[in-house]
Protein backbone atom coordinates (compact mmCIF):
# COMPACT_ATOMS: atom_id res chain seq x y z
CA MET A 1 -54.59 32.39 24.70
CA THR A 2 -52.15 33.65 22.30
CA PHE A 3 -50.48 35.56 25.17
CA LEU A 4 -50.27 32.36 27.05
CA PHE A 5 -48.33 30.22 24.25
CA SER A 6 -45.99 33.39 23.80
CA ILE A 7 -44.98 33.25 27.28
CA ILE A 8 -44.60 29.42 27.52
CA ALA A 9 -42.56 29.68 24.04
CA LEU A 10 -40.45 32.43 25.89
CA ILE A 11 -39.65 30.36 29.01
CA LEU A 12 -38.79 27.21 27.00
CA SER A 13 -36.41 29.14 24.84
CA ILE A 14 -34.66 30.66 27.76
CA ILE A 15 -34.50 26.97 29.59
CA ALA A 16 -33.12 25.52 26.03
CA LEU A 17 -30.47 28.28 25.81
CA SER A 18 -29.35 27.75 29.52
CA LYS A 19 -29.25 23.89 28.67
CA VAL A 20 -26.99 24.55 25.84
CA ASN A 21 -24.75 26.73 27.75
CA ARG A 22 -24.44 24.10 30.55
CA ILE A 23 -23.37 21.33 28.01
CA GLU A 24 -21.03 23.54 26.22
CA SER A 25 -19.26 24.40 29.37
CA ALA A 26 -18.98 20.93 30.64
CA TYR A 27 -17.68 19.87 26.95
CA SER A 28 -15.14 22.64 27.31
CA LYS A 29 -13.73 21.45 30.95
CA THR A 30 -13.62 17.66 29.77
CA LYS A 31 -11.70 18.74 26.74
CA GLU A 32 -9.17 20.61 28.68
CA ASN A 33 -8.55 17.64 31.07
CA ILE A 34 -8.05 15.07 28.37
CA SER A 35 -5.88 17.22 25.99
CA PRO A 36 -2.97 17.11 28.38
CA SER A 37 -2.74 13.72 28.37
CA ILE A 38 -2.49 13.02 24.64
CA PRO A 39 1.16 12.86 23.64
CA ASN A 40 2.48 14.96 20.79
CA THR A 41 3.01 12.28 17.84
CA ILE A 42 3.55 14.90 14.98
CA THR A 43 6.87 14.23 13.25
CA LYS A 44 8.67 16.26 10.97
CA VAL A 45 8.23 15.71 7.30
CA ASP A 46 11.31 15.63 5.32
CA THR A 47 11.54 19.16 3.33
CA LYS A 48 12.57 17.55 0.30
CA ILE A 49 9.60 15.23 0.23
CA GLN A 50 7.38 18.28 1.05
CA ASN A 51 8.95 20.20 -1.76
CA ASN A 52 8.17 17.35 -4.25
CA PHE A 53 4.69 17.52 -3.43
CA GLU A 54 3.95 21.07 -3.65
CA GLU A 55 2.31 22.54 -6.66
CA PRO A 56 3.83 24.80 -8.66
CA GLN A 57 2.71 28.31 -8.59
CA SER A 58 3.06 31.00 -11.03
CA SER A 59 2.32 34.69 -10.26
CA SER A 60 1.93 35.44 -13.67
CA LYS A 61 -0.90 32.93 -14.45
CA VAL A 62 -4.34 34.28 -14.24
CA VAL A 63 -6.75 31.98 -12.65
CA TYR A 64 -10.83 32.27 -13.34
CA GLU A 65 -12.22 31.15 -9.97
CA LYS A 66 -15.73 30.27 -9.23
CA ASN A 67 -16.66 31.18 -5.70
CA ASN A 68 -18.34 28.40 -4.28
CA ASP A 69 -18.23 29.62 -0.70
CA LEU A 70 -20.88 32.00 -0.97
CA ASP A 71 -23.86 29.57 -1.85
CA ILE A 72 -26.74 31.52 0.02
CA ILE A 73 -29.17 28.70 0.10
CA GLY A 74 -26.74 25.94 1.18
CA ASN A 75 -24.82 28.21 3.76
CA PHE A 76 -28.02 28.99 5.33
CA VAL A 77 -29.28 25.33 5.46
CA LYS A 78 -25.69 24.53 7.05
CA TRP A 79 -26.07 27.51 9.64
CA PHE A 80 -29.42 26.47 10.64
CA SER A 81 -28.57 22.87 10.97
CA HIS A 82 -25.78 23.65 13.31
CA GLU A 83 -27.34 24.22 16.90
CA TRP A 84 -30.83 24.47 15.17
CA PRO A 85 -32.59 24.63 18.73
CA LEU A 86 -31.04 28.02 19.33
CA LYS A 87 -32.10 29.09 16.10
CA MET A 88 -35.45 27.98 16.61
CA GLY A 89 -35.60 29.58 20.12
CA ALA A 90 -34.63 32.84 18.99
CA PHE A 91 -37.28 32.76 16.52
CA LEU A 92 -39.77 31.94 18.77
CA ILE A 93 -38.43 34.52 21.43
CA LEU A 94 -38.93 37.04 18.36
CA LEU A 95 -42.35 36.14 17.85
CA ALA A 96 -43.23 35.97 21.37
CA PHE A 97 -41.96 39.45 21.92
CA ILE A 98 -44.12 40.67 18.88
CA TRP A 99 -47.02 39.13 20.46
CA LEU A 100 -46.23 40.51 24.00
CA VAL A 101 -45.92 44.02 22.53
CA THR A 102 -49.12 43.70 20.74
CA TYR A 103 -50.88 42.51 23.71
CA ALA A 104 -49.38 45.19 25.67
CA PHE A 105 -50.71 47.58 23.13
CA LEU A 106 -54.18 46.41 23.04
CA ASN A 107 -54.41 46.36 26.79
CA ASN A 108 -52.65 49.71 27.38
CA TRP A 109 -50.43 48.26 30.09
CA ILE A 110 -47.62 50.83 29.16
CA GLY A 111 -47.52 54.10 27.40
CA PRO A 112 -46.11 54.44 23.75
CA VAL A 113 -42.57 55.81 24.99
CA GLY A 114 -42.29 53.14 27.46
CA ARG A 115 -43.08 50.51 24.86
CA ILE A 116 -40.50 51.80 22.26
CA THR A 117 -38.12 52.30 25.21
CA LEU A 118 -38.61 48.62 26.16
CA GLY A 119 -38.04 47.42 22.63
CA LEU A 120 -35.12 49.26 22.13
CA LEU A 121 -33.37 48.24 25.58
CA SER A 122 -34.25 44.87 24.91
CA GLY A 123 -32.67 44.53 21.66
CA THR A 124 -29.60 46.40 22.65
CA SER A 125 -29.17 43.91 25.71
CA ILE A 126 -29.66 40.86 23.48
CA LEU A 127 -27.41 42.31 20.82
CA TYR A 128 -24.45 42.85 23.42
CA GLY A 129 -25.04 39.74 24.88
CA GLY A 130 -24.54 38.06 21.28
CA PHE A 131 -21.29 40.24 20.90
CA LYS A 132 -20.18 39.03 24.29
CA ARG A 133 -20.90 35.38 23.37
CA PHE A 134 -18.94 35.58 19.94
CA ASP A 135 -15.49 34.86 21.26
CA LYS A 136 -16.52 31.46 22.61
CA TYR A 137 -19.56 30.52 20.47
CA LYS A 138 -19.77 32.24 17.24
CA THR A 139 -23.14 30.57 16.09
CA GLN A 140 -24.81 31.73 19.11
CA GLY A 141 -23.39 35.25 18.90
CA ILE A 142 -24.69 35.47 15.48
CA THR A 143 -28.04 34.45 16.22
CA LEU A 144 -28.29 36.71 19.33
CA VAL A 145 -26.80 39.59 17.22
CA TRP A 146 -29.49 39.12 14.69
CA LEU A 147 -32.31 38.94 17.04
CA GLY A 148 -31.33 42.07 19.01
CA SER A 149 -31.15 43.90 15.89
CA ALA A 150 -34.26 42.76 14.45
CA ILE A 151 -36.26 43.85 17.75
CA MET A 152 -34.49 47.25 17.70
CA VAL A 153 -35.58 47.70 14.01
CA ILE A 154 -39.16 46.53 14.82
CA SER A 155 -39.25 48.94 17.65
CA VAL A 156 -38.10 51.99 15.38
CA TYR A 157 -40.69 51.00 12.80
CA ALA A 158 -43.47 50.87 15.49
CA ALA A 159 -42.53 54.32 16.80
CA GLN A 160 -42.27 55.87 13.28
CA HIS A 161 -45.53 54.35 11.70
CA VAL A 162 -47.81 53.68 14.65
CA TYR A 163 -47.09 56.53 16.97
CA SER A 164 -45.28 59.07 14.61
CA MET A 165 -42.94 59.33 17.59
CA PHE A 166 -39.73 60.59 15.68
CA ILE A 167 -39.20 62.81 12.77
CA PRO A 168 -37.56 60.76 9.93
CA LEU A 169 -34.06 62.14 10.88
CA VAL A 170 -34.34 60.69 14.11
CA ALA A 171 -35.57 57.43 12.88
CA LEU A 172 -32.79 57.39 10.26
CA SER A 173 -30.24 57.89 12.97
CA LEU A 174 -31.35 54.93 15.10
CA VAL A 175 -31.40 52.71 12.14
CA MET A 176 -27.80 53.84 10.96
CA CYS A 177 -26.62 52.99 14.72
CA ILE A 178 -27.95 49.45 14.41
CA ILE A 179 -26.44 49.20 11.07
CA LEU A 180 -23.34 50.36 12.14
CA LEU A 181 -23.25 48.17 14.97
CA THR A 182 -24.01 44.92 13.15
CA ALA A 183 -21.61 45.78 10.45
CA SER A 184 -18.84 46.46 12.77
CA ILE A 185 -19.48 42.97 14.38
CA SER A 186 -19.52 41.36 11.10
CA ILE A 187 -16.14 42.94 10.03
CA LYS A 188 -14.64 42.08 13.57
CA TYR A 189 -15.45 38.22 13.55
CA HIS A 190 -15.75 37.85 9.80
CA SER A 191 -19.21 36.78 9.70
CA PHE A 192 -21.06 36.72 6.30
CA SER A 193 -24.30 35.87 8.05
CA LEU A 194 -24.27 39.36 9.96
CA ALA A 195 -22.98 40.96 6.95
CA LEU A 196 -26.12 39.81 5.00
CA ALA A 197 -28.49 41.08 7.75
CA THR A 198 -26.86 44.42 7.69
CA LEU A 199 -27.61 44.74 4.01
CA VAL A 200 -31.08 43.52 4.72
CA ILE A 201 -31.60 46.22 7.32
CA SER A 202 -30.17 48.88 5.15
CA SER A 203 -32.29 47.93 2.43
CA ILE A 204 -35.71 48.23 4.23
CA THR A 205 -34.31 51.58 5.97
CA PRO A 206 -36.39 53.81 3.43
CA ILE A 207 -39.79 51.92 4.21
CA ILE A 208 -38.92 52.01 8.12
CA ILE A 209 -38.56 55.63 8.19
CA GLY A 210 -41.04 56.64 5.58
CA GLY A 211 -39.95 60.12 5.11
CA SER A 212 -37.44 59.78 2.24
CA SER A 213 -39.71 57.40 0.23
CA ASN A 214 -41.39 60.23 -1.56
CA ASN A 215 -38.07 62.43 -1.52
CA ILE A 216 -36.24 61.70 -4.57
CA PHE A 217 -32.98 63.37 -3.37
CA GLY A 218 -33.33 61.89 0.23
CA LEU A 219 -33.91 58.55 -0.92
CA PHE A 220 -31.18 58.23 -3.63
CA SER A 221 -28.69 60.07 -1.65
CA TYR A 222 -29.14 57.40 1.22
CA LEU A 223 -28.84 54.39 -1.62
CA LEU A 224 -25.62 56.10 -2.71
CA VAL A 225 -24.12 56.18 0.66
CA LEU A 226 -25.34 52.54 1.16
CA SER A 227 -23.74 51.52 -2.03
CA LEU A 228 -20.34 53.21 -1.18
CA GLY A 229 -20.58 51.49 2.27
CA ILE A 230 -21.24 48.15 0.64
CA LEU A 231 -18.43 48.61 -1.89
CA TRP A 232 -16.07 49.27 0.75
CA PHE A 233 -17.06 46.52 2.73
CA THR A 234 -16.85 44.22 -0.12
CA ARG A 235 -13.34 45.54 -0.84
CA HIS A 236 -12.14 44.44 2.87
CA THR A 237 -14.21 41.11 3.02
CA LYS A 238 -14.11 40.09 -0.62
CA TRP A 239 -17.63 38.98 -0.41
CA ASN A 240 -18.61 40.07 -4.06
CA VAL A 241 -22.01 38.80 -3.41
CA LEU A 242 -22.96 41.92 -1.57
CA THR A 243 -22.02 44.15 -4.54
CA PHE A 244 -24.63 42.36 -6.52
CA LEU A 245 -27.27 42.26 -3.86
CA SER A 246 -26.73 46.06 -3.42
CA LEU A 247 -27.19 46.70 -7.04
CA ILE A 248 -30.53 44.69 -6.78
CA VAL A 249 -31.70 46.79 -3.92
CA VAL A 250 -30.80 50.02 -5.94
CA SER A 251 -32.82 48.55 -9.11
CA LEU A 252 -35.86 47.88 -7.04
CA TYR A 253 -36.02 51.36 -5.75
CA SER A 254 -35.31 52.69 -9.20
CA VAL A 255 -37.27 50.53 -11.37
CA GLN A 256 -40.31 52.80 -11.13
CA TYR A 257 -38.41 55.38 -12.89
CA PHE A 258 -37.52 53.06 -16.03
CA THR A 259 -40.64 54.04 -17.89
CA PRO A 260 -41.24 57.62 -19.53
CA TYR A 261 -44.91 57.42 -18.26
CA ARG A 262 -43.88 57.60 -14.67
CA ILE A 263 -41.20 60.55 -15.36
CA SER A 264 -43.80 62.83 -17.02
CA TYR A 265 -45.32 63.41 -13.14
CA TYR A 266 -42.05 64.90 -12.04
CA THR A 267 -40.68 68.42 -12.33
CA PRO A 268 -37.50 69.12 -14.57
CA ILE A 269 -35.56 69.63 -11.38
CA GLU A 270 -36.53 66.40 -10.13
CA VAL A 271 -35.86 64.52 -13.54
CA LEU A 272 -32.41 66.39 -13.41
CA THR A 273 -31.72 64.95 -10.03
CA LEU A 274 -32.60 61.36 -11.31
CA LYS A 275 -30.41 61.66 -14.16
CA SER A 276 -27.52 62.76 -11.96
CA PHE A 277 -28.00 59.91 -9.81
CA ALA A 278 -28.30 57.41 -12.62
CA ALA A 279 -25.16 58.45 -13.91
CA THR A 280 -23.36 58.17 -10.54
CA PHE A 281 -24.76 54.89 -9.68
CA VAL A 282 -24.04 53.19 -13.18
CA SER A 283 -20.32 54.77 -13.10
CA ILE A 284 -19.78 53.71 -9.45
CA TYR A 285 -20.69 50.06 -9.87
CA PHE A 286 -18.93 49.88 -13.22
CA PHE A 287 -15.59 51.12 -12.22
CA ALA A 288 -15.78 49.31 -8.73
CA THR A 289 -16.54 45.87 -10.76
CA ILE A 290 -13.74 46.56 -13.06
CA LEU A 291 -11.22 47.55 -10.24
CA SER A 292 -12.12 44.36 -8.19
CA ILE A 293 -11.28 42.22 -11.11
CA ILE A 294 -8.43 43.76 -12.11
CA THR A 295 -7.14 44.15 -8.42
CA HIS A 296 -7.67 40.42 -7.42
CA LYS A 297 -6.70 39.20 -11.00
CA LYS A 298 -9.90 36.91 -10.72
CA ALA A 299 -13.48 36.99 -11.48
CA THR A 300 -16.43 35.41 -9.39
CA ASN A 301 -19.75 34.66 -10.73
CA TRP A 302 -21.25 37.48 -8.66
CA ASP A 303 -18.59 40.01 -10.59
CA LEU A 304 -20.10 38.69 -13.86
CA TYR A 305 -23.60 38.97 -12.55
CA THR A 306 -23.13 42.33 -11.44
CA ALA A 307 -22.06 43.51 -14.92
CA LEU A 308 -24.89 41.92 -16.53
CA LEU A 309 -27.38 43.46 -14.20
CA LEU A 310 -25.75 46.86 -14.55
CA GLY A 311 -26.18 46.62 -18.39
CA PHE A 312 -30.08 46.32 -17.81
CA ILE A 313 -30.39 48.98 -15.18
CA SER A 314 -28.51 51.22 -17.44
CA TYR A 315 -30.85 50.83 -20.35
CA GLY A 316 -33.91 50.98 -17.84
CA TRP A 317 -32.55 54.44 -16.55
CA ILE A 318 -32.17 55.70 -20.24
CA ASN A 319 -35.64 54.43 -21.37
CA GLY A 320 -37.11 56.41 -18.69
CA LEU A 321 -35.17 59.73 -18.30
CA VAL A 322 -33.65 60.35 -21.83
CA GLY A 323 -35.82 61.82 -24.64
CA ALA A 324 -36.79 59.70 -27.60
CA ASP A 325 -34.43 61.40 -30.01
CA TYR A 326 -31.51 60.79 -27.89
CA LYS A 327 -32.04 57.25 -26.58
CA SER A 328 -30.22 55.61 -29.16
CA TYR A 329 -26.94 58.00 -28.82
CA MET A 330 -27.16 57.43 -24.92
CA VAL A 331 -27.53 53.67 -25.31
CA LEU A 332 -24.65 53.40 -27.80
CA LEU A 333 -22.32 55.66 -25.38
CA VAL A 334 -23.04 53.09 -22.56
CA SER A 335 -22.34 50.23 -25.16
CA LEU A 336 -18.99 51.78 -25.89
CA PHE A 337 -18.34 51.98 -22.10
CA PHE A 338 -18.63 48.29 -21.55
CA ALA A 339 -16.62 47.51 -24.75
CA PHE A 340 -13.45 49.57 -23.79
CA GLY A 341 -14.05 48.12 -20.26
CA ALA A 342 -13.89 44.65 -21.61
CA TYR A 343 -10.85 45.35 -23.51
CA PHE A 344 -9.07 46.86 -20.61
CA VAL A 345 -9.88 44.20 -18.54
CA PHE A 346 -8.47 41.66 -21.08
CA LEU A 347 -5.25 43.59 -21.65
CA ARG A 348 -4.71 43.55 -17.66
CA THR A 349 -5.98 40.21 -16.64
CA GLN A 350 -6.23 38.01 -19.71
CA LEU A 351 -9.63 36.96 -18.27
CA LYS A 352 -11.37 35.67 -21.09
CA GLN A 353 -14.79 34.80 -19.43
CA THR A 354 -15.08 38.41 -18.18
CA VAL A 355 -14.34 39.77 -21.38
CA TYR A 356 -16.85 37.71 -23.18
CA LEU A 357 -19.71 38.85 -20.69
CA TYR A 358 -18.80 42.53 -20.99
CA THR A 359 -18.62 42.26 -24.62
CA ALA A 360 -21.90 40.46 -24.87
CA VAL A 361 -23.52 43.39 -22.65
CA SER A 362 -21.95 45.69 -24.99
CA LEU A 363 -23.34 43.89 -28.15
CA ILE A 364 -26.68 43.96 -26.70
CA LEU A 365 -26.76 47.69 -25.88
CA LEU A 366 -25.41 48.07 -29.41
CA SER A 367 -28.30 46.12 -30.87
CA ILE A 368 -30.82 48.12 -28.77
CA ALA A 369 -29.30 51.58 -29.78
CA THR A 370 -29.67 50.25 -33.43
CA ALA A 371 -33.27 49.36 -32.92
CA LEU A 372 -34.06 52.64 -31.50
CA GLU A 373 -32.55 54.62 -34.27
CA PHE A 374 -33.65 52.65 -37.29
CA ASN A 375 -36.63 50.43 -38.34
CA GLY A 376 -37.83 47.96 -41.16
CA PRO A 377 -35.41 47.21 -44.12
CA ILE A 378 -32.91 50.16 -42.82
CA LEU A 379 -32.56 48.12 -39.60
CA VAL A 380 -31.75 45.23 -41.45
CA ILE A 381 -29.09 47.05 -43.29
CA ALA A 382 -27.62 48.25 -40.23
CA PHE A 383 -27.56 44.85 -38.53
CA ALA A 384 -26.00 43.36 -41.63
CA ILE A 385 -23.16 46.06 -41.61
CA GLN A 386 -22.60 45.38 -38.11
CA ALA A 387 -22.46 41.54 -38.59
CA ALA A 388 -19.75 41.97 -41.31
CA ILE A 389 -17.49 44.24 -39.02
CA ILE A 390 -17.98 43.42 -35.40
CA PRO A 391 -17.42 39.66 -35.34
CA ILE A 392 -14.28 39.92 -37.63
CA VAL A 393 -12.84 42.65 -35.15
CA LEU A 394 -13.52 40.77 -31.90
CA ILE A 395 -11.97 37.70 -33.41
CA LYS A 396 -8.70 39.53 -34.11
CA LEU A 397 -8.71 41.22 -30.64
CA LEU A 398 -9.91 38.52 -28.48
CA GLY A 399 -8.91 35.44 -30.30
CA THR A 400 -11.05 32.53 -32.04
CA GLU A 401 -12.05 31.13 -28.67
CA ILE A 402 -15.08 33.58 -28.66
CA THR A 403 -16.29 32.39 -31.91
CA ASN A 404 -19.38 30.49 -30.68
CA TYR A 405 -20.74 33.61 -28.72
CA ILE A 406 -20.10 35.89 -31.73
CA ALA A 407 -21.85 33.44 -34.27
CA LEU A 408 -25.03 34.72 -32.03
CA TYR A 409 -24.68 38.16 -33.60
CA TYR A 410 -25.72 37.05 -36.99
CA ILE A 411 -28.90 36.00 -35.94
CA LEU A 412 -30.38 39.46 -35.76
CA PRO A 413 -29.94 40.52 -39.47
CA LEU A 414 -31.55 36.96 -40.23
CA LEU A 415 -34.62 37.31 -38.18
CA PHE A 416 -35.26 40.95 -39.21
CA SER A 417 -34.77 40.26 -42.84
CA ILE A 418 -37.41 37.67 -43.19
CA SER A 419 -40.14 40.36 -43.93
CA SER A 420 -38.01 41.71 -46.89
CA LEU A 421 -38.18 38.32 -48.58
CA TYR A 422 -42.19 38.28 -48.86
CA PRO A 423 -43.39 38.55 -52.45
CA TYR A 424 -45.68 41.42 -51.68
CA ASN A 425 -42.76 43.73 -50.80
CA TRP A 426 -41.37 43.17 -54.39
CA ARG A 427 -44.40 44.30 -56.24
CA THR A 428 -43.75 47.95 -56.27
CA GLY A 429 -40.67 47.63 -58.49
CA LEU A 430 -36.89 46.77 -58.39
CA PHE A 431 -34.91 49.39 -56.54
CA HIS A 432 -36.55 49.60 -53.15
CA LYS A 433 -35.47 49.36 -49.37
CA HIS A 434 -36.04 45.60 -49.37
CA PHE A 435 -33.79 45.19 -52.55
CA PHE A 436 -30.90 46.83 -50.79
CA ALA A 437 -31.59 45.02 -47.63
CA ILE A 438 -31.30 41.57 -49.09
CA LEU A 439 -28.49 42.42 -51.23
CA ILE A 440 -26.55 43.89 -48.47
CA ILE A 441 -27.14 40.90 -46.14
CA THR A 442 -26.15 38.55 -48.94
CA LEU A 443 -23.13 40.48 -49.44
CA SER A 444 -22.12 40.87 -45.77
CA PHE A 445 -22.44 37.39 -44.81
CA PHE A 446 -20.52 36.08 -47.91
CA SER A 447 -17.75 38.50 -47.22
CA SER A 448 -17.58 37.75 -43.58
CA GLY A 449 -17.61 34.11 -44.67
CA ILE A 450 -14.90 34.26 -47.21
CA TYR A 451 -12.65 36.38 -44.96
CA LEU A 452 -12.86 33.79 -41.97
CA TYR A 453 -12.18 30.91 -44.44
CA TYR A 454 -9.12 32.24 -45.81
CA SER A 455 -7.84 33.87 -42.51
CA ILE A 456 -7.05 30.39 -41.04
CA LEU A 457 -6.41 28.56 -44.39
CA ASP A 458 -2.67 28.40 -44.03
CA LYS A 459 -2.66 27.99 -40.36
CA THR A 460 -2.65 24.71 -38.05
CA ILE A 461 -6.27 23.69 -37.73
CA SER A 462 -6.79 23.51 -33.87
CA LYS A 463 -10.16 22.99 -31.96
CA THR A 464 -10.81 26.87 -31.84
CA LYS A 465 -9.74 27.19 -35.52
CA ASN A 466 -12.17 24.61 -36.64
CA LYS A 467 -15.25 26.59 -34.99
CA VAL A 468 -14.06 29.49 -37.23
CA HIS A 469 -13.85 27.25 -40.15
CA ASN A 470 -17.21 25.91 -39.56
CA LEU A 471 -18.65 29.45 -38.91
CA SER A 472 -17.14 30.43 -42.40
CA LEU A 473 -18.84 27.66 -44.11
CA ILE A 474 -22.31 28.39 -42.45
CA LEU A 475 -21.84 31.94 -43.34
CA ILE A 476 -21.29 31.15 -46.95
CA ILE A 477 -24.02 28.75 -47.23
CA ILE A 478 -26.62 31.37 -45.89
CA ALA A 479 -25.15 33.80 -48.43
CA GLY A 480 -25.66 31.42 -51.19
CA ILE A 481 -29.40 30.75 -50.00
CA TYR A 482 -30.12 34.45 -49.65
CA GLY A 483 -28.41 35.18 -53.17
CA LEU A 484 -30.38 32.37 -54.91
CA THR A 485 -33.58 34.05 -53.23
CA PHE A 486 -32.43 37.56 -54.39
CA ILE A 487 -32.31 36.45 -57.93
CA TRP A 488 -35.51 34.89 -57.54
CA ARG A 489 -37.16 38.10 -56.50
CA VAL A 490 -35.25 40.18 -58.95
CA VAL A 491 -36.22 38.24 -62.09
CA HIS A 492 -39.71 38.38 -61.09
CA ALA A 493 -39.71 41.91 -60.34
CA ILE A 494 -38.23 42.78 -63.81
CA ILE A 495 -40.09 40.19 -66.09
CA SER A 496 -43.93 40.02 -66.02
CA LEU A 497 -44.14 36.83 -68.08
CA GLU A 498 -44.31 33.95 -65.75
CA TYR A 499 -42.82 31.41 -67.80
CA ALA A 500 -40.11 33.48 -69.07
CA ALA A 501 -39.13 34.43 -65.41
CA GLN A 502 -39.07 30.93 -64.16
CA LEU A 503 -37.07 29.86 -67.27
CA ILE A 504 -34.49 32.48 -66.39
CA ILE A 505 -34.36 31.51 -62.59
CA LEU A 506 -34.26 27.66 -63.18
CA SER A 507 -31.56 27.93 -65.72
CA THR A 508 -29.53 30.02 -63.40
CA TYR A 509 -30.00 27.88 -60.65
CA THR A 510 -29.16 24.97 -62.76
CA VAL A 511 -25.77 26.72 -63.61
CA THR A 512 -24.86 27.55 -60.40
CA GLY A 513 -25.75 24.28 -58.74
CA LEU A 514 -23.26 22.48 -61.53
CA ILE A 515 -20.69 24.74 -60.97
CA CYS A 516 -20.55 24.27 -57.28
CA TYR A 517 -21.04 20.43 -57.87
CA ILE A 518 -18.30 20.09 -60.32
CA THR A 519 -15.78 22.42 -58.46
CA GLY A 520 -16.61 20.42 -55.15
CA ARG A 521 -15.82 17.24 -56.89
CA THR A 522 -12.73 18.08 -58.81
CA GLN A 523 -11.12 20.23 -55.61
CA ASN A 524 -12.34 17.66 -53.35
CA ARG A 525 -14.85 19.98 -51.27
CA LYS A 526 -17.48 18.16 -49.72
CA ILE A 527 -19.58 21.20 -48.70
CA LEU A 528 -19.61 22.89 -52.06
CA ASN A 529 -20.42 19.54 -53.81
CA ARG A 530 -23.13 19.09 -51.57
CA PHE A 531 -24.41 22.62 -51.93
CA GLY A 532 -24.45 22.21 -55.73
CA ILE A 533 -26.31 18.88 -55.37
CA GLY A 534 -29.09 20.71 -53.09
CA VAL A 535 -29.42 23.40 -55.85
CA ILE A 536 -29.76 20.86 -58.62
CA VAL A 537 -32.44 18.68 -56.61
CA PHE A 538 -34.32 21.80 -55.90
CA VAL A 539 -34.48 22.46 -59.57
CA LEU A 540 -35.58 19.08 -60.55
CA VAL A 541 -38.14 18.89 -57.82
CA ARG A 542 -39.36 22.21 -58.82
CA LEU A 543 -39.73 21.20 -62.42
CA LEU A 544 -41.38 17.82 -61.74
CA LEU A 545 -43.81 18.85 -59.02
CA VAL A 546 -44.51 22.37 -59.80
CA GLU A 547 -43.83 23.57 -63.15
CA VAL A 548 -44.98 20.44 -65.04
CA TRP A 549 -48.47 21.54 -63.90
CA ASP A 550 -48.36 25.43 -63.69
CA MET A 551 -46.30 26.10 -67.08
CA GLN A 552 -47.90 26.36 -70.37
CA LEU A 553 -46.91 23.63 -72.96
CA SER A 554 -44.51 25.98 -74.91
CA GLY A 555 -42.73 27.30 -71.62
CA ARG A 556 -42.48 23.90 -70.34
CA ILE A 557 -40.75 22.38 -73.47
CA ILE A 558 -38.23 25.30 -73.66
CA THR A 559 -37.60 25.01 -69.80
CA PHE A 560 -37.13 21.34 -69.79
CA PHE A 561 -34.92 21.50 -72.88
CA SER A 562 -32.62 24.09 -71.28
CA VAL A 563 -32.09 22.43 -67.91
CA GLY A 564 -31.86 18.80 -69.59
CA THR A 565 -29.13 20.39 -71.89
CA LEU A 566 -27.29 22.10 -69.14
CA LEU A 567 -27.23 18.78 -67.11
CA MET A 568 -25.78 16.91 -70.07
CA VAL A 569 -23.39 19.48 -70.98
CA SER A 570 -21.77 19.54 -67.64
CA VAL A 571 -21.06 15.94 -67.67
CA LEU A 572 -19.19 16.54 -71.06
CA ILE A 573 -17.31 19.35 -69.70
CA GLU A 574 -16.24 17.60 -66.53
CA LYS A 575 -14.87 14.66 -68.63
CA THR A 576 -12.92 16.75 -70.87
CA ASN A 577 -11.41 18.91 -67.98
CA LYS A 578 -10.66 15.97 -66.10
CA LYS A 579 -10.23 12.30 -67.05
CA LEU A 580 -12.58 10.29 -64.84
CA PRO A 581 -13.12 6.70 -65.24
CA SER A 582 -16.63 5.97 -67.06
CA ASN A 583 -17.88 3.51 -64.54
CA ILE A 584 -18.23 5.84 -61.57
CA LEU A 585 -21.29 4.77 -59.85
């Protein structure tokens, strides 16, 4: 029954194809008969008017372009909707061919050699027919070439895995011939669909031939040749999506080596081979992407995706192949690689989006290298020092437009410093790792905020300058909060008497809040004024809701007298320094 349906599908597909050919031939003849009778009504356009409508072009202006013409899903739907009966017919023929071969195998109609020969000859004939159809009907040509290639690949797979007819070298040679044929046709007729089909066939070739899958040198030698071929192909066709897809193929075959557990089963020679290929692949794709961006003076989304994926693949190779003592150094080296690449691209093209992505990859790798080298409070100190230096340097080199992206780097020291704020870590004394971690992160954020604030103080405030201004204020506020928390922990670590420690802390908080409040009012600094109000409100809430119940009566009296006196004296000092109307409410 299955065989009967297969034969019917094959016959219907052939009939449909012949009908389509007749309709297209009739349409072509009708078009040729009608076209001579249509007069040529095209008039010349005044050159002056034409020049007025021409858009000015500047060779020095670099444009960041988004490559919308390579929307894979959209193009596939568009391609399939055009002459869809032809595609469905080809698909049914392929299914029918598979079932026919299976039925012939089960009934032993023809021998193994005859079966494989029939498949190769059928595929070659269909591919040649598609090649001949390309000149008149490109869509039909693409479909037939794809169908013929698929039939030949299936035949080679059956010969290799079902009958063990070929040695791996022969199977590889046959598949390479198929790849070269489809690639040549794709280049000649500029067909992206065939280029994608060629990449798919190339990607599954190690699975088809079987022999190189267990041979590290053979597998990665083939992948290296494939990568070089795709990069050459991309350079001529400008289909950068193929570079990204080929890197995905390399990563899929390499992901098994991204963990040290798997590497432990290989010999030192095999590990050295993997390291050599890893360095080669990373270098090739890195420089190829950089060269493509610089040459074309534009960056597509696929270039950026390739750079991002390459960063993660680089870390995967390092994680699996490099010893634990040297991982951080290798990740740091790759991070510097991306950083210098980003700056080089910026100098050559002024493409800021590309630089932002390469810089982001570099910073991610730098963070990973830091996390591999340090842990605990030492890691917090390292992140805090980096946060004090790297953002300022990048803003100076790349401009203030990068401010929003750089602000994310300050999150790392904040996240890793939370554990250093726990009271439990301060019970062992004063001068310990957590003491220095909180101190350095406070100084780091405060110095960065002050530097950024005064770096744009005398400049015209633009949209990007306003971002730097806001970032500086946020950093100063965070530094203030960390500073107050640091005072709380230090005082409690030094003074064991609870009410005395709380008296000193709340008095210090009150003085700090009043200074910020008065300075903010007199100098018209709203943020500073509100920060002071926030600190004072915290002190009052703490006094009225917590200390009023927890403190002993003597400590409560002294604390409330001290804070109340400070609040009253601040008003007198403010009125003395600046004559304010007495009826301010």
